Amino acid sequence: MSEGGDEMRILIIDDEIEILTLFKDVLETIGHTVEIAIDGESGLEKFRNSNFDLIVMDYRMYGKDGLLASEEIMKIEKNVKILFTSADSSIKKRAIRMGAVGFLLKPFDINVLVREIERVSKV
């Protein structure tokens, strides 16, 4: 069970395997169920085939970037919660305007991610 008491099904979409592994390990340790995708297209496919409470989305990825993937995901489920994590601060306003529930500028401490997920779980 997570620190906030609410287990979530989380999909992490990022093209950096080290980030995917770190986020998955930490979030599973605190009780969340986590699936991972290495790019926007495979993340979109996983989203179509399963239900998630939250998507942790990178922006810069090969092929379909995080904004394009998010737009397509929101066409399927407009109330989906998407938390952006990116080193590109220039897309923050656009991500929030399109409906993201939060934006974390990389690099950040893993505890910041955990706290943000706890906050988002209550939204």
N, C-alpha and C. Protein backbone atom coordinates (compact mmCIF):
# COMPACT_ATOMS: atom_id res chain seq x y z
N MET A 1 0.85 -1.19 0.00
CA MET A 1 0.00 0.00 0.00
C MET A 1 0.88 1.24 0.00
N SER A 2 0.50 2.25 -0.72
CA SER A 2 1.31 3.46 -0.80
C SER A 2 1.23 4.25 0.48
N GLU A 3 2.15 5.21 0.62
CA GLU A 3 2.18 6.03 1.81
C GLU A 3 0.87 6.76 2.02
N GLY A 4 0.22 7.16 0.94
CA GLY A 4 -1.05 7.87 1.03
C GLY A 4 -2.22 6.92 1.25
N GLY A 5 -1.97 5.61 1.19
CA GLY A 5 -3.02 4.63 1.45
C GLY A 5 -3.81 4.23 0.21
N ASP A 6 -3.53 4.81 -0.93
CA ASP A 6 -4.28 4.52 -2.14
C ASP A 6 -3.38 3.92 -3.19
N GLU A 7 -3.55 2.61 -3.43
CA GLU A 7 -2.78 1.97 -4.49
C GLU A 7 -3.31 2.45 -5.83
N MET A 8 -2.42 2.76 -6.73
CA MET A 8 -2.80 3.22 -8.06
C MET A 8 -2.20 2.31 -9.11
N ARG A 9 -2.89 2.22 -10.25
CA ARG A 9 -2.33 1.56 -11.44
C ARG A 9 -1.71 2.67 -12.27
N ILE A 10 -0.39 2.59 -12.43
CA ILE A 10 0.37 3.66 -13.07
C ILE A 10 1.06 3.14 -14.33
N LEU A 11 0.96 3.92 -15.40
CA LEU A 11 1.69 3.64 -16.63
C LEU A 11 2.78 4.70 -16.77
N ILE A 12 4.03 4.26 -16.87
CA ILE A 12 5.16 5.17 -17.04
C ILE A 12 5.61 5.08 -18.50
N ILE A 13 5.64 6.22 -19.18
CA ILE A 13 6.05 6.27 -20.57
C ILE A 13 7.29 7.16 -20.67
N ASP A 14 8.42 6.56 -20.97
CA ASP A 14 9.69 7.29 -21.02
C ASP A 14 10.66 6.48 -21.88
N ASP A 15 11.53 7.16 -22.62
CA ASP A 15 12.45 6.44 -23.49
C ASP A 15 13.78 6.10 -22.82
N GLU A 16 13.94 6.45 -21.57
CA GLU A 16 15.17 6.14 -20.86
C GLU A 16 14.93 4.95 -19.93
N ILE A 17 15.55 3.81 -20.25
CA ILE A 17 15.31 2.58 -19.51
C ILE A 17 15.70 2.72 -18.03
N GLU A 18 16.73 3.52 -17.75
CA GLU A 18 17.13 3.71 -16.35
C GLU A 18 16.04 4.41 -15.56
N ILE A 19 15.38 5.39 -16.17
CA ILE A 19 14.28 6.09 -15.50
C ILE A 19 13.10 5.16 -15.33
N LEU A 20 12.76 4.41 -16.37
CA LEU A 20 11.66 3.46 -16.27
C LEU A 20 11.89 2.49 -15.11
N THR A 21 13.09 1.96 -15.03
CA THR A 21 13.42 0.98 -14.00
C THR A 21 13.36 1.59 -12.61
N LEU A 22 13.96 2.77 -12.44
CA LEU A 22 13.95 3.44 -11.14
C LEU A 22 12.53 3.76 -10.70
N PHE A 23 11.76 4.43 -11.55
CA PHE A 23 10.40 4.80 -11.19
C PHE A 23 9.56 3.57 -10.86
N LYS A 24 9.66 2.53 -11.69
CA LYS A 24 8.89 1.31 -11.48
C LYS A 24 9.25 0.67 -10.15
N ASP A 25 10.53 0.52 -9.87
CA ASP A 25 10.97 -0.12 -8.63
C ASP A 25 10.48 0.64 -7.41
N VAL A 26 10.65 1.95 -7.41
CA VAL A 26 10.25 2.76 -6.26
C VAL A 26 8.74 2.73 -6.07
N LEU A 27 8.00 2.92 -7.14
CA LEU A 27 6.54 2.97 -7.02
C LEU A 27 5.94 1.62 -6.65
N GLU A 28 6.50 0.53 -7.13
CA GLU A 28 6.02 -0.79 -6.72
C GLU A 28 6.35 -1.06 -5.26
N THR A 29 7.51 -0.58 -4.80
CA THR A 29 7.90 -0.78 -3.41
C THR A 29 6.90 -0.14 -2.45
N ILE A 30 6.30 0.98 -2.85
CA ILE A 30 5.34 1.64 -1.97
C ILE A 30 3.89 1.22 -2.27
N GLY A 31 3.72 0.19 -3.10
CA GLY A 31 2.41 -0.42 -3.23
C GLY A 31 1.64 -0.17 -4.50
N HIS A 32 2.21 0.55 -5.44
CA HIS A 32 1.49 0.80 -6.69
C HIS A 32 1.74 -0.34 -7.68
N THR A 33 0.81 -0.51 -8.60
CA THR A 33 0.97 -1.44 -9.71
C THR A 33 1.46 -0.61 -10.90
N VAL A 34 2.57 -1.03 -11.50
CA VAL A 34 3.21 -0.20 -12.52
C VAL A 34 3.45 -0.99 -13.80
N GLU A 35 3.13 -0.38 -14.92
CA GLU A 35 3.52 -0.89 -16.23
C GLU A 35 4.35 0.18 -16.90
N ILE A 36 5.22 -0.24 -17.81
CA ILE A 36 6.12 0.70 -18.47
C ILE A 36 6.00 0.59 -19.99
N ALA A 37 6.33 1.72 -20.65
CA ALA A 37 6.38 1.76 -22.11
C ALA A 37 7.57 2.63 -22.51
N ILE A 38 8.28 2.22 -23.55
CA ILE A 38 9.53 2.86 -23.96
C ILE A 38 9.32 4.04 -24.91
N ASP A 39 8.09 4.22 -25.42
CA ASP A 39 7.81 5.36 -26.30
C ASP A 39 6.32 5.65 -26.32
N GLY A 40 5.97 6.76 -26.96
CA GLY A 40 4.58 7.19 -26.98
C GLY A 40 3.64 6.20 -27.64
N GLU A 41 4.07 5.59 -28.72
CA GLU A 41 3.20 4.65 -29.44
C GLU A 41 2.92 3.40 -28.61
N SER A 42 3.94 2.81 -27.99
CA SER A 42 3.70 1.62 -27.17
C SER A 42 2.93 1.99 -25.90
N GLY A 43 3.12 3.20 -25.40
CA GLY A 43 2.33 3.66 -24.25
C GLY A 43 0.86 3.79 -24.60
N LEU A 44 0.60 4.33 -25.77
CA LEU A 44 -0.77 4.46 -26.26
C LEU A 44 -1.42 3.09 -26.39
N GLU A 45 -0.68 2.13 -26.92
CA GLU A 45 -1.20 0.76 -27.07
C GLU A 45 -1.51 0.14 -25.71
N LYS A 46 -0.62 0.31 -24.75
CA LYS A 46 -0.88 -0.23 -23.40
C LYS A 46 -2.10 0.43 -22.78
N PHE A 47 -2.25 1.74 -23.00
CA PHE A 47 -3.40 2.45 -22.46
C PHE A 47 -4.70 1.92 -23.06
N ARG A 48 -4.69 1.64 -24.36
CA ARG A 48 -5.89 1.11 -25.03
C ARG A 48 -6.30 -0.25 -24.46
N ASN A 49 -5.32 -1.03 -23.97
CA ASN A 49 -5.58 -2.40 -23.54
C ASN A 49 -5.73 -2.59 -22.03
N SER A 50 -5.69 -1.50 -21.27
CA SER A 50 -5.77 -1.64 -19.82
C SER A 50 -6.27 -0.33 -19.22
N ASN A 51 -6.61 -0.37 -17.94
CA ASN A 51 -7.06 0.82 -17.22
C ASN A 51 -5.96 1.29 -16.29
N PHE A 52 -5.71 2.60 -16.29
CA PHE A 52 -4.70 3.18 -15.42
C PHE A 52 -5.29 4.36 -14.68
N ASP A 53 -4.83 4.55 -13.44
CA ASP A 53 -5.25 5.69 -12.64
C ASP A 53 -4.41 6.92 -12.97
N LEU A 54 -3.18 6.68 -13.43
CA LEU A 54 -2.24 7.77 -13.69
C LEU A 54 -1.24 7.36 -14.77
N ILE A 55 -0.86 8.33 -15.60
CA ILE A 55 0.21 8.13 -16.56
C ILE A 55 1.32 9.13 -16.21
N VAL A 56 2.53 8.62 -16.06
CA VAL A 56 3.71 9.47 -15.89
C VAL A 56 4.37 9.54 -17.26
N MET A 57 4.37 10.74 -17.86
CA MET A 57 4.70 10.89 -19.28
C MET A 57 5.92 11.78 -19.50
N ASP A 58 6.90 11.25 -20.22
CA ASP A 58 8.03 12.05 -20.68
C ASP A 58 7.59 12.81 -21.93
N TYR A 59 8.32 13.86 -22.28
CA TYR A 59 7.98 14.61 -23.48
C TYR A 59 8.80 14.15 -24.69
N ARG A 60 10.11 14.25 -24.58
CA ARG A 60 10.98 13.95 -25.72
C ARG A 60 11.23 12.44 -25.83
N MET A 61 10.61 11.85 -26.85
CA MET A 61 10.79 10.43 -27.10
C MET A 61 10.83 10.22 -28.61
N TYR A 62 11.46 9.13 -29.02
CA TYR A 62 11.52 8.77 -30.43
C TYR A 62 10.10 8.54 -30.94
N GLY A 63 9.83 8.99 -32.14
CA GLY A 63 8.52 8.78 -32.74
C GLY A 63 7.51 9.76 -32.16
N LYS A 64 6.50 9.23 -31.52
CA LYS A 64 5.42 10.04 -30.96
C LYS A 64 5.87 10.65 -29.64
N ASP A 65 5.94 11.99 -29.57
CA ASP A 65 6.36 12.63 -28.33
C ASP A 65 5.23 12.60 -27.28
N GLY A 66 5.56 13.03 -26.09
CA GLY A 66 4.61 12.96 -24.98
C GLY A 66 3.35 13.78 -25.18
N LEU A 67 3.46 14.94 -25.82
CA LEU A 67 2.27 15.75 -26.06
C LEU A 67 1.34 15.08 -27.06
N LEU A 68 1.90 14.54 -28.14
CA LEU A 68 1.06 13.85 -29.13
C LEU A 68 0.42 12.61 -28.53
N ALA A 69 1.20 11.83 -27.77
CA ALA A 69 0.65 10.63 -27.13
C ALA A 69 -0.46 11.02 -26.15
N SER A 70 -0.25 12.09 -25.40
CA SER A 70 -1.26 12.55 -24.43
C SER A 70 -2.54 12.97 -25.12
N GLU A 71 -2.42 13.69 -26.24
CA GLU A 71 -3.60 14.10 -26.99
C GLU A 71 -4.42 12.89 -27.42
N GLU A 72 -3.73 11.86 -27.92
CA GLU A 72 -4.44 10.66 -28.37
C GLU A 72 -5.06 9.91 -27.20
N ILE A 73 -4.34 9.84 -26.10
CA ILE A 73 -4.86 9.17 -24.90
C ILE A 73 -6.09 9.90 -24.40
N MET A 74 -6.06 11.24 -24.40
CA MET A 74 -7.20 12.02 -23.90
C MET A 74 -8.41 11.93 -24.83
N LYS A 75 -8.19 11.58 -26.09
CA LYS A 75 -9.33 11.33 -26.99
C LYS A 75 -10.04 10.05 -26.58
N ILE A 76 -9.29 9.09 -26.03
CA ILE A 76 -9.87 7.83 -25.57
C ILE A 76 -10.54 8.01 -24.22
N GLU A 77 -9.86 8.72 -23.31
CA GLU A 77 -10.36 8.92 -21.95
C GLU A 77 -10.01 10.35 -21.52
N LYS A 78 -10.99 11.25 -21.65
CA LYS A 78 -10.67 12.68 -21.43
C LYS A 78 -10.34 13.01 -19.97
N ASN A 79 -10.73 12.19 -19.02
CA ASN A 79 -10.47 12.47 -17.61
C ASN A 79 -9.24 11.76 -17.07
N VAL A 80 -8.43 11.20 -17.94
CA VAL A 80 -7.24 10.50 -17.49
C VAL A 80 -6.28 11.49 -16.83
N LYS A 81 -5.57 11.04 -15.82
CA LYS A 81 -4.59 11.88 -15.13
C LYS A 81 -3.22 11.62 -15.74
N ILE A 82 -2.61 12.70 -16.25
CA ILE A 82 -1.27 12.61 -16.84
C ILE A 82 -0.35 13.56 -16.11
N LEU A 83 0.75 13.02 -15.59
CA LEU A 83 1.78 13.80 -14.92
C LEU A 83 2.99 13.84 -15.85
N PHE A 84 3.34 15.03 -16.34
CA PHE A 84 4.49 15.16 -17.22
C PHE A 84 5.78 15.25 -16.42
N THR A 85 6.82 14.59 -16.93
CA THR A 85 8.17 14.69 -16.39
C THR A 85 9.07 14.94 -17.58
N SER A 86 9.72 16.10 -17.61
CA SER A 86 10.53 16.43 -18.77
C SER A 86 11.65 17.38 -18.40
N ALA A 87 12.74 17.32 -19.16
CA ALA A 87 13.83 18.27 -19.01
C ALA A 87 13.55 19.54 -19.81
N ASP A 88 12.48 19.55 -20.58
CA ASP A 88 12.13 20.68 -21.43
C ASP A 88 11.03 21.51 -20.77
N SER A 89 11.43 22.57 -20.09
CA SER A 89 10.46 23.41 -19.37
C SER A 89 9.56 24.20 -20.31
N SER A 90 9.95 24.32 -21.58
CA SER A 90 9.15 25.12 -22.51
C SER A 90 7.78 24.50 -22.81
N ILE A 91 7.59 23.24 -22.50
CA ILE A 91 6.30 22.61 -22.79
C ILE A 91 5.37 22.56 -21.58
N LYS A 92 5.82 23.08 -20.44
CA LYS A 92 5.01 23.00 -19.21
C LYS A 92 3.63 23.63 -19.38
N LYS A 93 3.58 24.86 -19.86
CA LYS A 93 2.28 25.53 -20.01
C LYS A 93 1.37 24.77 -20.96
N ARG A 94 1.94 24.31 -22.06
CA ARG A 94 1.14 23.57 -23.04
C ARG A 94 0.59 22.26 -22.44
N ALA A 95 1.43 21.57 -21.68
CA ALA A 95 1.01 20.31 -21.05
C ALA A 95 -0.13 20.56 -20.06
N ILE A 96 0.00 21.59 -19.24
CA ILE A 96 -1.03 21.90 -18.25
C ILE A 96 -2.31 22.35 -18.95
N ARG A 97 -2.18 23.19 -19.98
CA ARG A 97 -3.36 23.64 -20.73
C ARG A 97 -4.12 22.48 -21.35
N MET A 98 -3.39 21.48 -21.82
CA MET A 98 -4.07 20.36 -22.47
C MET A 98 -4.70 19.41 -21.47
N GLY A 99 -4.41 19.60 -20.16
CA GLY A 99 -5.09 18.80 -19.15
C GLY A 99 -4.20 18.00 -18.22
N ALA A 100 -2.88 18.12 -18.34
CA ALA A 100 -1.99 17.39 -17.42
C ALA A 100 -2.25 17.87 -15.99
N VAL A 101 -2.17 16.94 -15.05
CA VAL A 101 -2.43 17.27 -13.64
C VAL A 101 -1.19 17.80 -12.93
N GLY A 102 -0.04 17.73 -13.60
CA GLY A 102 1.19 18.24 -13.01
C GLY A 102 2.34 18.15 -13.98
N PHE A 103 3.44 18.81 -13.61
CA PHE A 103 4.64 18.83 -14.44
C PHE A 103 5.85 18.85 -13.53
N LEU A 104 6.76 17.89 -13.69
CA LEU A 104 8.00 17.86 -12.93
C LEU A 104 9.16 18.06 -13.90
N LEU A 105 10.02 19.03 -13.59
CA LEU A 105 11.17 19.33 -14.43
C LEU A 105 12.32 18.42 -14.05
N LYS A 106 12.80 17.63 -15.04
CA LYS A 106 13.94 16.75 -14.81
C LYS A 106 15.22 17.56 -14.80
N PRO A 107 16.18 17.19 -13.99
CA PRO A 107 16.15 16.07 -13.05
C PRO A 107 15.47 16.48 -11.74
N PHE A 108 14.90 15.51 -11.05
CA PHE A 108 14.27 15.76 -9.76
C PHE A 108 14.52 14.55 -8.86
N ASP A 109 14.42 14.78 -7.58
CA ASP A 109 14.59 13.71 -6.59
C ASP A 109 13.39 12.77 -6.68
N ILE A 110 13.62 11.49 -6.56
CA ILE A 110 12.53 10.50 -6.66
C ILE A 110 11.44 10.75 -5.62
N ASN A 111 11.81 11.31 -4.47
CA ASN A 111 10.81 11.63 -3.45
C ASN A 111 9.83 12.70 -3.92
N VAL A 112 10.28 13.59 -4.80
CA VAL A 112 9.39 14.59 -5.38
C VAL A 112 8.32 13.90 -6.22
N LEU A 113 8.72 12.89 -6.98
CA LEU A 113 7.75 12.13 -7.77
C LEU A 113 6.75 11.43 -6.87
N VAL A 114 7.22 10.80 -5.81
CA VAL A 114 6.34 10.09 -4.88
C VAL A 114 5.32 11.05 -4.28
N ARG A 115 5.77 12.22 -3.85
CA ARG A 115 4.85 13.22 -3.26
C ARG A 115 3.85 13.73 -4.29
N GLU A 116 4.31 13.94 -5.52
CA GLU A 116 3.42 14.42 -6.56
C GLU A 116 2.36 13.38 -6.90
N ILE A 117 2.75 12.12 -6.94
CA ILE A 117 1.77 11.06 -7.20
C ILE A 117 0.77 10.98 -6.06
N GLU A 118 1.21 11.15 -4.85
CA GLU A 118 0.29 11.17 -3.70
C GLU A 118 -0.70 12.33 -3.84
N ARG A 119 -0.19 13.51 -4.23
CA ARG A 119 -1.08 14.67 -4.42
C ARG A 119 -2.10 14.40 -5.53
N VAL A 120 -1.62 13.88 -6.65
CA VAL A 120 -2.48 13.61 -7.79
C VAL A 120 -3.54 12.57 -7.46
N SER A 121 -3.21 11.62 -6.60
CA SER A 121 -4.18 10.57 -6.26
C SER A 121 -5.40 11.14 -5.55
N LYS A 122 -5.27 12.34 -5.01
CA LYS A 122 -6.38 12.97 -4.28
C LYS A 122 -7.16 13.94 -5.12
N VAL A 123 -6.71 14.17 -6.37
CA VAL A 123 -7.37 15.13 -7.26
C VAL A 123 -8.57 14.49 -7.91
